Protein backbone atom coordinates (compact mmCIF):
# COMPACT_ATOMS: atom_id res chain seq x y z
CA UNK A 1 -26.67 231.96 72.79
CA UNK A 2 -27.46 228.35 71.83
CA UNK A 3 -27.39 229.06 68.10
CA UNK A 4 -24.18 231.06 68.44
CA UNK A 5 -22.44 228.25 70.29
CA UNK A 6 -23.76 225.78 67.75
CA UNK A 7 -22.20 227.89 64.99
CA UNK A 8 -18.85 227.91 66.80
CA UNK A 9 -18.94 224.12 67.19
CA UNK A 10 -19.96 223.72 63.55
CA UNK A 11 -16.98 225.80 62.42
CA UNK A 12 -14.64 223.60 64.44
CA UNK A 13 -16.10 220.47 62.83
CA UNK A 14 -15.89 221.96 59.33
CA UNK A 15 -12.22 222.90 59.77
CA UNK A 16 -11.16 219.60 61.35
CA UNK A 17 -13.23 217.18 59.26
CA UNK A 18 -14.28 219.14 56.18
CA UNK A 19 -11.06 220.86 55.10
CA UNK A 20 -8.13 218.71 53.94
CA UNK A 21 -5.31 218.78 56.47
CA UNK A 22 -1.97 219.99 55.09
CA UNK A 23 0.47 217.13 54.88
CA UNK A 24 3.00 218.94 57.05
CA UNK A 25 0.61 219.18 60.01
CA UNK A 26 -0.20 216.50 62.56
CA UNK A 27 -3.83 215.67 63.40
CA UNK A 28 -3.35 217.35 66.78
CA UNK A 29 -2.06 220.52 65.13
CA UNK A 30 -5.08 220.58 62.84
CA UNK A 31 -7.45 220.09 65.76
CA UNK A 32 -5.77 222.99 67.56
CA UNK A 33 -6.23 225.06 64.39
CA UNK A 34 -9.94 224.29 64.38
CA UNK A 35 -10.18 225.14 68.08
CA UNK A 36 -8.34 228.43 67.57
CA UNK A 37 -10.43 229.49 64.54
CA UNK A 38 -13.65 228.58 66.33
CA UNK A 39 -12.53 230.66 69.33
CA UNK A 40 -11.74 233.66 67.12
CA UNK A 41 -15.12 233.33 65.39
CA UNK A 42 -16.79 233.10 68.77
CA UNK A 43 -14.98 236.25 69.86
CA UNK A 44 -16.57 238.04 66.92
CA UNK A 45 -20.18 236.84 67.33
CA UNK A 46 -19.89 236.43 71.13
CA UNK A 47 -22.57 233.87 72.01
CA UNK A 48 -20.97 234.05 75.48
CA UNK A 49 -18.45 236.58 76.84
CA UNK A 50 -15.04 236.34 75.21
CA UNK A 51 -13.31 235.38 78.46
CA UNK A 52 -15.68 232.48 79.02
CA UNK A 53 -15.17 231.30 75.45
CA UNK A 54 -11.38 231.33 75.80
CA UNK A 55 -11.60 229.48 79.11
CA UNK A 56 -13.62 226.79 77.32
CA UNK A 57 -10.98 226.59 74.59
CA UNK A 58 -8.13 226.28 77.10
CA UNK A 59 -10.04 223.52 78.90
CA UNK A 60 -10.65 221.65 75.65
CA UNK A 61 -7.07 222.03 74.36
CA UNK A 62 -5.74 219.05 76.35
CA UNK A 63 -8.67 216.94 75.12
CA UNK A 64 -8.56 217.73 71.39
CA UNK A 65 -5.10 219.17 70.86
CA UNK A 66 -2.93 216.88 72.93
CA UNK A 67 -1.62 219.66 75.17
CA UNK A 68 -0.91 219.12 78.85
CA UNK A 69 -3.16 221.21 81.07
CA UNK A 70 -0.12 222.93 82.58
CA UNK A 71 0.93 223.93 79.05
CA UNK A 72 -2.55 225.13 78.15
CA UNK A 73 -2.59 227.33 81.26
CA UNK A 74 0.93 228.60 80.62
CA UNK A 75 -0.25 231.85 79.06
CA UNK A 76 -1.34 233.11 82.47
CA UNK A 77 2.28 233.07 83.65
CA UNK A 78 3.45 235.16 80.70
CA UNK A 79 5.05 238.47 81.70
CA UNK A 80 3.23 240.37 78.95
CA UNK A 81 -0.13 239.35 80.37
CA UNK A 82 0.92 240.78 83.73
CA UNK A 83 2.20 243.93 82.07
CA UNK A 84 -1.31 244.56 80.74
CA UNK A 85 -2.74 243.86 84.20
CA UNK A 86 -0.38 246.31 85.87
CA UNK A 87 -1.13 248.99 83.30
CA UNK A 88 -4.85 248.54 83.90
CA UNK A 89 -4.36 249.00 87.64
CA UNK A 90 -2.34 252.19 87.13
CA UNK A 91 -5.00 253.46 84.72
CA UNK A 92 -7.63 252.88 87.41
CA UNK A 93 -5.64 255.18 89.70
CA UNK A 94 -5.42 257.80 86.94
CA UNK A 95 -9.19 257.80 86.56
CA UNK A 96 -10.06 257.49 90.25
CA UNK A 97 -7.84 260.37 91.35
CA UNK A 98 -9.01 262.61 88.50
CA UNK A 99 -5.49 263.03 87.13
CA UNK A 100 -6.50 261.71 83.70
CA UNK A 101 -9.34 264.24 83.46
CA UNK A 102 -7.03 266.99 84.70
CA UNK A 103 -4.60 266.19 81.87
CA UNK A 104 -7.40 266.37 79.27
CA UNK A 105 -8.76 269.64 80.63
CA UNK A 106 -5.24 271.07 80.71
CA UNK A 107 -4.82 270.45 77.00
CA UNK A 108 -8.24 271.97 76.24
CA UNK A 109 -7.33 275.06 78.26
CA UNK A 110 -4.16 275.47 76.19
CA UNK A 111 -5.48 274.68 72.71
CA UNK A 112 -9.27 275.04 72.96
CA UNK A 113 -9.79 278.45 71.35
CA UNK A 114 -11.13 276.80 68.18
CA UNK A 115 -13.11 273.66 67.41
CA UNK A 116 -10.11 272.28 65.56
CA UNK A 117 -7.97 273.14 68.57
CA UNK A 118 -10.37 271.32 70.90
CA UNK A 119 -10.03 268.21 68.75
CA UNK A 120 -6.25 268.46 68.78
CA UNK A 121 -6.30 268.97 72.54
CA UNK A 122 -8.40 265.85 73.12
CA UNK A 123 -6.26 263.84 70.70
CA UNK A 124 -3.07 264.91 72.49
CA UNK A 125 -4.66 264.10 75.84
CA UNK A 126 -5.46 260.59 74.63
CA UNK A 127 -1.92 260.28 73.30
CA UNK A 128 -0.43 261.08 76.73
CA UNK A 129 -2.80 258.66 78.46
CA UNK A 130 -2.10 255.95 75.87
CA UNK A 131 1.49 255.83 77.08
CA UNK A 132 0.32 253.87 80.12
CA UNK A 133 -3.44 253.13 79.88
CA UNK A 134 -3.90 250.02 77.69
CA UNK A 135 -7.68 250.22 77.71
CA UNK A 136 -8.83 252.52 74.92
CA UNK A 137 -12.33 252.14 76.35
CA UNK A 138 -11.22 253.44 79.77
CA UNK A 139 -9.20 256.42 78.57
CA UNK A 140 -11.07 257.34 75.37
CA UNK A 141 -14.56 256.38 76.42
CA UNK A 142 -14.20 257.12 80.12
CA UNK A 143 -12.15 260.33 80.03
CA UNK A 144 -11.99 261.88 76.56
CA UNK A 145 -15.58 261.27 75.43
CA UNK A 146 -17.27 262.99 78.42
CA UNK A 147 -15.10 266.09 77.92
CA UNK A 148 -15.95 266.20 74.19
CA UNK A 149 -19.65 265.81 74.95
CA UNK A 150 -19.56 268.54 77.62
CA UNK A 151 -17.89 271.02 75.27
CA UNK A 152 -20.41 270.23 72.52
CA UNK A 153 -23.32 270.88 74.87
CA UNK A 154 -21.61 274.07 76.06
CA UNK A 155 -22.25 275.42 72.57
CA UNK A 156 -25.80 274.08 72.42
CA UNK A 157 -24.88 271.17 70.18
CA UNK A 158 -26.90 268.08 71.03
CA UNK A 159 -27.89 265.03 68.97
CA UNK A 160 -30.45 265.95 66.34
CA UNK A 161 -31.05 269.36 64.80
CA UNK A 162 -28.05 271.04 66.45
CA UNK A 163 -25.55 268.20 66.08
CA UNK A 164 -23.78 269.90 63.17
CA UNK A 165 -23.06 272.95 65.31
CA UNK A 166 -20.06 271.20 66.88
CA UNK A 167 -20.80 267.78 68.37
CA UNK A 168 -20.91 265.80 65.12
CA UNK A 169 -17.45 267.02 64.13
CA UNK A 170 -15.95 266.38 67.54
CA UNK A 171 -17.38 262.86 67.82
CA UNK A 172 -16.12 261.88 64.37
CA UNK A 173 -12.73 263.60 64.51
CA UNK A 174 -11.83 262.72 68.10
CA UNK A 175 -12.71 259.08 67.48
CA UNK A 176 -10.46 258.97 64.41
CA UNK A 177 -7.69 260.56 66.48
CA UNK A 178 -7.87 257.92 69.20
CA UNK A 179 -7.35 255.21 66.60
CA UNK A 180 -4.04 256.89 65.79
CA UNK A 181 -2.94 257.12 69.42
CA UNK A 182 -3.77 253.42 69.85
CA UNK A 183 -1.23 252.68 67.11
CA UNK A 184 1.50 254.85 68.61
CA UNK A 185 2.23 252.97 71.83
CA UNK A 186 2.92 249.46 73.04
CA UNK A 187 0.19 250.21 75.60
CA UNK A 188 -2.05 251.99 73.07
CA UNK A 189 -4.68 249.31 73.48
CA UNK A 190 -4.90 245.90 75.08
CA UNK A 191 -3.95 243.72 72.12
CA UNK A 192 -0.78 245.60 71.11
CA UNK A 193 1.30 243.50 73.55
CA UNK A 194 -0.30 240.46 71.92
CA UNK A 195 1.09 241.60 68.56
CA UNK A 196 4.47 242.04 70.23
CA UNK A 197 4.30 238.50 71.61
CA UNK A 198 3.44 237.11 68.18
CA UNK A 199 6.38 239.02 66.71
CA UNK A 200 8.61 237.50 69.38
CA UNK A 201 7.63 234.01 68.26
CA UNK A 202 9.12 234.90 64.87
CA UNK A 203 12.35 236.05 66.49
CA UNK A 204 11.69 239.80 66.52
CA UNK A 205 11.65 241.47 69.95
CA UNK A 206 9.34 244.47 70.38
CA UNK A 207 9.94 246.78 73.35
CA UNK A 208 7.89 249.69 74.67
CA UNK A 209 10.56 252.13 73.52
CA UNK A 210 11.05 250.40 70.20
CA UNK A 211 7.33 250.66 69.41
CA UNK A 212 7.29 254.34 70.36
CA UNK A 213 10.29 255.17 68.17
CA UNK A 214 8.83 253.30 65.21
CA UNK A 215 5.38 254.87 65.45
CA UNK A 216 6.01 258.39 66.77
CA UNK A 217 6.81 260.14 63.48
CA UNK A 218 4.03 258.75 61.25
CA UNK A 219 1.70 258.79 64.26
CA UNK A 220 2.18 262.49 64.90
CA UNK A 221 1.72 263.21 61.19
CA UNK A 222 -1.59 261.31 61.15
CA UNK A 223 -2.65 262.93 64.41
CA UNK A 224 -2.02 266.36 62.87
CA UNK A 225 -3.73 265.55 59.57
CA UNK A 226 -6.85 263.66 60.60
CA UNK A 227 -8.75 266.42 62.50
CA UNK A 228 -8.10 268.83 59.63
CA UNK A 229 -9.31 266.33 57.02
CA UNK A 230 -12.46 265.54 59.00
CA UNK A 231 -13.14 269.29 59.33
CA UNK A 232 -13.02 269.61 55.53
CA UNK A 233 -15.31 266.61 55.09
CA UNK A 234 -17.65 267.37 57.98
CA UNK A 235 -17.28 271.05 58.95
CA UNK A 236 -18.84 272.28 62.19
CA UNK A 237 -20.90 275.44 62.19
CA UNK A 238 -19.01 276.79 65.21
CA UNK A 239 -15.30 277.15 64.49
CA UNK A 240 -14.17 279.53 67.23
CA UNK A 241 -14.59 278.29 70.80
CA UNK A 242 -13.26 280.71 73.43
CA UNK A 243 -15.81 279.27 75.85
CA UNK A 244 -14.18 275.83 75.63
CA UNK A 245 -10.94 277.10 77.10
CA UNK A 246 -12.93 278.94 79.78
CA UNK A 247 -14.91 275.75 80.46
CA UNK A 248 -11.63 273.88 81.00
CA UNK A 249 -10.35 276.60 83.33
CA UNK A 250 -13.59 276.51 85.31
CA UNK A 251 -13.55 272.73 85.61
CA UNK A 252 -9.90 272.76 86.68
CA UNK A 253 -10.72 275.41 89.26
CA UNK A 254 -13.49 273.18 90.61
CA UNK A 255 -11.00 270.34 90.90
CA UNK A 256 -8.68 272.57 92.90
CA UNK A 257 -4.94 272.05 93.26
CA UNK A 258 -3.47 268.60 92.74
CA UNK A 259 -4.09 266.35 95.72
CA UNK A 260 -1.31 264.45 97.44
CA UNK A 261 -2.52 261.26 95.74
CA UNK A 262 -2.39 262.92 92.31
CA UNK A 263 1.16 264.12 92.96
CA UNK A 264 2.28 260.66 94.04
CA UNK A 265 0.57 259.16 91.01
CA UNK A 266 2.21 261.70 88.68
CA UNK A 267 5.65 260.71 90.02
CA UNK A 268 4.86 257.00 89.66
CA UNK A 269 3.41 257.57 86.18
CA UNK A 270 6.55 259.39 85.03
CA UNK A 271 8.85 256.85 86.69
CA UNK A 272 7.18 253.86 85.08
CA UNK A 273 7.20 255.50 81.64
CA UNK A 274 10.86 256.42 82.15
CA UNK A 275 11.69 252.83 83.09
CA UNK A 276 9.89 251.58 79.98
CA UNK A 277 11.71 253.99 77.67
CA UNK A 278 15.12 253.15 79.15
CA UNK A 279 14.60 249.40 79.53
CA UNK A 280 16.77 248.53 76.53
CA UNK A 281 19.88 249.95 78.20
CA UNK A 282 19.04 249.55 81.91
CA UNK A 283 17.95 245.95 81.53
CA UNK A 284 14.93 246.50 83.79
CA UNK A 285 12.04 244.34 82.61
CA UNK A 286 9.07 246.56 81.69
CA UNK A 287 6.66 244.26 83.51
CA UNK A 288 8.74 244.49 86.68
CA UNK A 289 8.69 248.29 86.35
CA UNK A 290 4.91 248.34 85.96
CA UNK A 291 4.34 246.00 88.91
CA UNK A 292 6.68 248.12 91.05
CA UNK A 293 4.54 251.11 90.13
CA UNK A 294 1.43 249.25 91.30
CA UNK A 295 3.12 248.29 94.57
CA UNK A 296 4.11 251.92 95.15
CA UNK A 297 0.52 253.04 94.60
CA UNK A 298 -0.78 250.36 96.97
CA UNK A 299 1.73 251.23 99.72
CA UNK A 300 0.94 254.95 99.49
CA UNK A 301 -2.83 254.40 99.47
CA UNK A 302 -3.35 255.84 95.99
CA UNK A 303 -4.70 252.42 95.05
CA UNK A 304 -6.71 250.26 97.41
CA UNK A 305 -6.74 246.47 97.21
CA UNK A 306 -10.46 246.69 96.44
CA UNK A 307 -9.54 248.74 93.35
CA UNK A 308 -7.36 245.84 92.19
CA UNK A 309 -9.83 243.03 92.74
CA UNK A 310 -12.81 245.02 91.42
CA UNK A 311 -11.12 245.95 88.12
CA UNK A 312 -13.42 243.68 86.12
CA UNK A 313 -12.11 244.72 82.70
CA UNK A 314 -8.54 243.85 83.68
CA UNK A 315 -9.40 240.39 84.99
CA UNK A 316 -11.64 239.69 82.00
CA UNK A 317 -8.75 240.56 79.68
CA UNK A 318 -6.43 238.43 81.82
CA UNK A 319 -8.57 235.34 81.09
CA UNK A 320 -8.98 235.80 77.33
CA UNK A 321 -5.59 237.35 76.68
CA UNK A 322 -3.55 234.75 78.52
CA UNK A 323 -5.55 231.93 76.99
CA UNK A 324 -5.41 233.19 73.42
CA UNK A 325 -1.73 233.97 73.79
CA UNK A 326 -1.02 230.34 74.66
CA UNK A 327 -3.21 228.97 71.87
CA UNK A 328 -1.46 231.21 69.37
CA UNK A 329 1.95 230.04 70.56
CA UNK A 330 0.81 226.42 70.33
CA UNK A 331 -0.17 226.90 66.69
CA UNK A 332 3.24 228.36 65.92
CA UNK A 333 4.98 225.53 67.76
CA UNK A 334 3.02 223.01 65.67
CA UNK A 335 3.99 224.72 62.39
CA UNK A 336 0.52 226.00 61.47
CA UNK A 337 1.71 229.53 60.59
CA UNK A 338 4.50 228.10 58.47
CA UNK A 339 2.03 225.86 56.62
CA UNK A 340 -0.19 228.87 55.92
CA UNK A 341 2.76 230.88 54.64
CA UNK A 342 3.83 228.06 52.35
CA UNK A 343 0.32 227.60 50.94
CA UNK A 344 -0.46 231.25 50.37
CA UNK A 345 3.06 232.05 49.24
CA UNK A 346 2.66 229.53 46.42
CA UNK A 347 -0.22 231.64 45.07
CA UNK A 348 2.05 234.70 44.91
CA UNK A 349 5.26 233.00 43.90
CA UNK A 350 6.00 235.58 41.21
CA UNK A 351 5.88 238.56 43.58
CA UNK A 352 8.90 239.87 45.45
CA UNK A 353 8.47 240.68 49.13
CA UNK A 354 7.82 244.43 48.74
CA UNK A 355 4.88 244.29 46.29
CA UNK A 356 3.52 241.31 48.23
CA UNK A 357 3.78 243.34 51.45
CA UNK A 358 1.85 246.24 49.90
CA UNK A 359 -0.92 243.94 48.67
CA UNK A 360 -1.07 242.14 52.02
CA UNK A 361 -1.25 245.41 53.99
CA UNK A 362 -4.20 246.59 51.90
CA UNK A 363 -6.01 243.28 52.36
CA UNK A 364 -5.22 243.32 56.08
CA UNK A 365 -6.38 246.93 56.52
CA UNK A 366 -9.75 246.65 54.80
CA UNK A 367 -10.45 243.20 56.23
CA UNK A 368 -11.32 245.10 59.41
CA UNK A 369 -14.77 245.73 57.95
CA UNK A 370 -15.39 242.12 59.02
CA UNK A 371 -14.13 242.52 62.59
CA UNK A 372 -15.65 244.13 65.66
CA UNK A 373 -12.40 243.86 67.60
CA UNK A 374 -8.76 244.71 66.96
CA UNK A 375 -7.83 241.64 68.98
CA UNK A 376 -9.92 239.32 66.81
CA UNK A 377 -8.38 240.89 63.71
CA UNK A 378 -4.86 240.33 65.03
CA UNK A 379 -5.56 236.78 66.10
CA UNK A 380 -7.02 235.84 62.75
CA UNK A 381 -4.54 237.49 60.39
CA UNK A 382 -1.41 238.88 62.07
CA UNK A 383 0.71 235.75 62.59
CA UNK A 384 -0.21 234.18 59.22
CA UNK A 385 0.77 237.33 57.33
CA UNK A 386 4.00 237.59 59.34
CA UNK A 387 4.81 234.01 58.40
CA UNK A 388 3.98 234.64 54.75
CA UNK A 389 6.19 237.73 54.46
CA UNK A 390 9.01 236.20 56.51
CA UNK A 391 9.06 233.24 54.13
CA UNK A 392 9.43 235.69 51.26
CA UNK A 393 12.44 237.30 52.90
CA UNK A 394 10.78 240.54 54.01
CA UNK A 395 12.54 242.44 56.83
CA UNK A 396 10.78 241.39 60.03
CA UNK A 397 10.78 244.82 61.69
CA UNK A 398 9.07 246.39 58.69
CA UNK A 399 6.42 243.67 58.64
CA UNK A 400 5.87 243.57 62.41
CA UNK A 401 5.22 247.29 62.83
CA UNK A 402 3.37 247.68 59.53
CA UNK A 403 0.67 245.15 60.37
CA UNK A 404 0.53 246.00 64.09
CA UNK A 405 -0.03 249.71 63.46
CA UNK A 406 -2.46 249.11 60.60
CA UNK A 407 -4.57 246.88 62.86
CA UNK A 408 -5.19 249.89 65.10
CA UNK A 409 -5.63 252.47 62.35
CA UNK A 410 -8.17 250.28 60.53
CA UNK A 411 -10.49 250.43 63.55
CA UNK A 412 -11.56 253.86 62.29
CA UNK A 413 -13.39 252.35 59.32
CA UNK A 414 -16.64 251.49 61.09
CA UNK A 415 -18.81 252.21 64.11
CA UNK A 416 -17.89 248.81 65.59
CA UNK A 417 -14.15 248.66 64.88
CA UNK A 418 -12.98 248.73 68.51
CA UNK A 419 -14.55 249.15 71.95
CA UNK A 420 -14.78 252.99 72.00
CA UNK A 421 -16.37 253.20 68.53
CA UNK A 422 -19.90 252.22 69.61
CA UNK A 423 -19.47 254.48 72.65
CA UNK A 424 -18.81 257.51 70.43
CA UNK A 425 -21.35 256.48 67.79
CA UNK A 426 -24.06 255.89 70.41
CA UNK A 427 -23.96 259.57 71.35
CA UNK A 428 -26.22 260.06 68.32
CA UNK A 429 -24.39 262.97 66.69
CA UNK A 430 -23.15 261.25 63.52
CA UNK A 431 -25.40 259.27 61.11
CA UNK A 432 -24.14 255.82 60.10
CA UNK A 433 -23.50 256.74 56.46
CA UNK A 434 -21.39 259.74 57.51
CA UNK A 435 -19.44 257.65 60.01
CA UNK A 436 -18.53 255.12 57.34
CA UNK A 437 -17.84 257.81 54.72
CA UNK A 438 -15.46 259.62 57.05
CA UNK A 439 -13.84 256.35 58.10
CA UNK A 440 -13.06 255.41 54.51
CA UNK A 441 -11.71 258.87 53.66
CA UNK A 442 -9.48 258.87 56.73
CA UNK A 443 -8.25 255.38 55.82
CA UNK A 444 -6.88 256.80 52.57
CA UNK A 445 -5.08 259.49 54.56
CA UNK A 446 -3.54 256.88 56.86
CA UNK A 447 -2.40 254.78 53.91
CA UNK A 448 -0.84 257.86 52.32
CA UNK A 449 0.92 259.01 55.51
CA UNK A 450 2.15 255.64 56.75
CA UNK A 451 2.97 254.47 53.22
CA UNK A 452 5.24 257.50 52.64
CA UNK A 453 6.36 259.14 55.90
CA UNK A 454 6.07 255.87 57.82
CA UNK A 455 7.97 253.75 55.34
CA UNK A 456 10.64 256.45 54.96
CA UNK A 457 11.02 256.74 58.75
CA UNK A 458 11.33 252.97 59.08
CA UNK A 459 14.01 253.09 56.38
CA UNK A 460 15.90 255.66 58.47
CA UNK A 461 15.57 253.39 61.52
CA UNK A 462 16.96 250.48 59.52
CA UNK A 463 13.79 248.38 59.73
CA UNK A 464 14.16 247.63 56.00
C-alpha cells in the first residue's frame, strides 16, 4: 500500500511540476489535472480502495485546486449519482426475491435445448436485467454465472480435463455476451451514467431511452453473432443439451409460483422501465422514477431498510462516482479538455473528422488492454476524445455513443477488463491464452458490426 500511494503522489508531482503547463490553463487548473490523473492511476493500481482514494482527492481539491469544499462535494447531490443508487437498490430486490434468477431460468427453459441456445438464453437474461441493474458484477456474476456453472456441471464439465465438454465454451461466450449487454443500456453498468454526464458537459443530453434506441440494433446483432463466433473458435464437445432445459424446469418448480413480493417487484420493475422509456415525452425525471420505485418497494416490504443501508457496493460507488463526477466537471470548467483537444488536434490537423474518429475509436478500444476498469478507461480518455472530435466538427451524438459503447465492448479483451471478468475467469475453465485469443477475435467482430450496422443505424437516427 505504501509504495502504491507513493507512486500516486509521484505521478501528481510529475504532472504538476515536471510537465510544462499549457499557456491556456491556470496553475489551479493544472493542479486539478494532476490530482485527477493521480486519482485515475490510483483507481487502476488500487493501493487503497477506489472510494477511499476518491474521498482523499475530494478532500485535497480545495487545498491544491482552489475549489470550495461545497463545490468539491457537489457531485454527491447530482441526480445521476442517485439514479445509480436507486437502480442498485432495485437490483438488490431482484436478487433477494429470486426474480432475477427466475428470469434467467425462464430463458434457459425456452432456449436451452443446445449449448448455443443456453448461451443465447443467458445473454438474453443478462440483457433484460441490464435494463435496470447497473452492477454487471451483481447481475452477471451473481445471477448469470451460477446458472452457467450449474449447467456445465450438469453435463459433467468441470475445470480441468472435462472443461472442453461445455464449461469452457459457456464461460468464454457468456462473458463476451455480457460485455455487449453492458453497452446496450444506460444502466448496463455503473459508469455508463458517468459517460452520459460527461456528454452533457459538452452540450449533448443522453437519456435512458436515447441510449437504448442508439444501441439496440447493433447490440442485438453483436449479441446474436458473438456466441456463434466463439463456438467456431472454441467448440464444446456437447452441442445438444436437452437436460439444460429440464434443469431449468426443475429449478423453477423448486422455486414454486411467484411470491407476492416477486409480483409486486415485477410491477415496479416494469413501471420504472416504462417511466424511463417515456421520460422524453412525459417529462418525468428518470431519477425521480427510480426513487419512486424504491419507495414503493420499501412501503410494500419487498425491500427492508437494512437492505438499503447494507448495500455496500452501492454506497462504495456513491463515494467514488460522485467524487470523480465532480472532479471531471471541474476539469471541463477550467478548460482542461479543450486544451487537450487543441494540443492533440494540432497533431492531426490534416485529417477530417471522420477519419480522425475512426483512428481515435481504434486507439480508444485497444487502450483497454491497459485498464482493469471501464470506469478508469472512461475517466482517462472519454472526455478528452470528445473534446478532440468536437473541435474537429464531428457530430456529437455519433461521438458520444461511439466511445461510450466501445468502452463497454472493449472489456471483453482481457480477463481483467471489468468486474465480472475475473469472476468468470477464476472458474478455471478457460486458459489465459485462450481467453485473450477469443477476446481479440471477438473485438474484430464488434468493430465490424458496430462499424457497419452501428454506423448505418446511427445515420438513420440522424446522429451524423
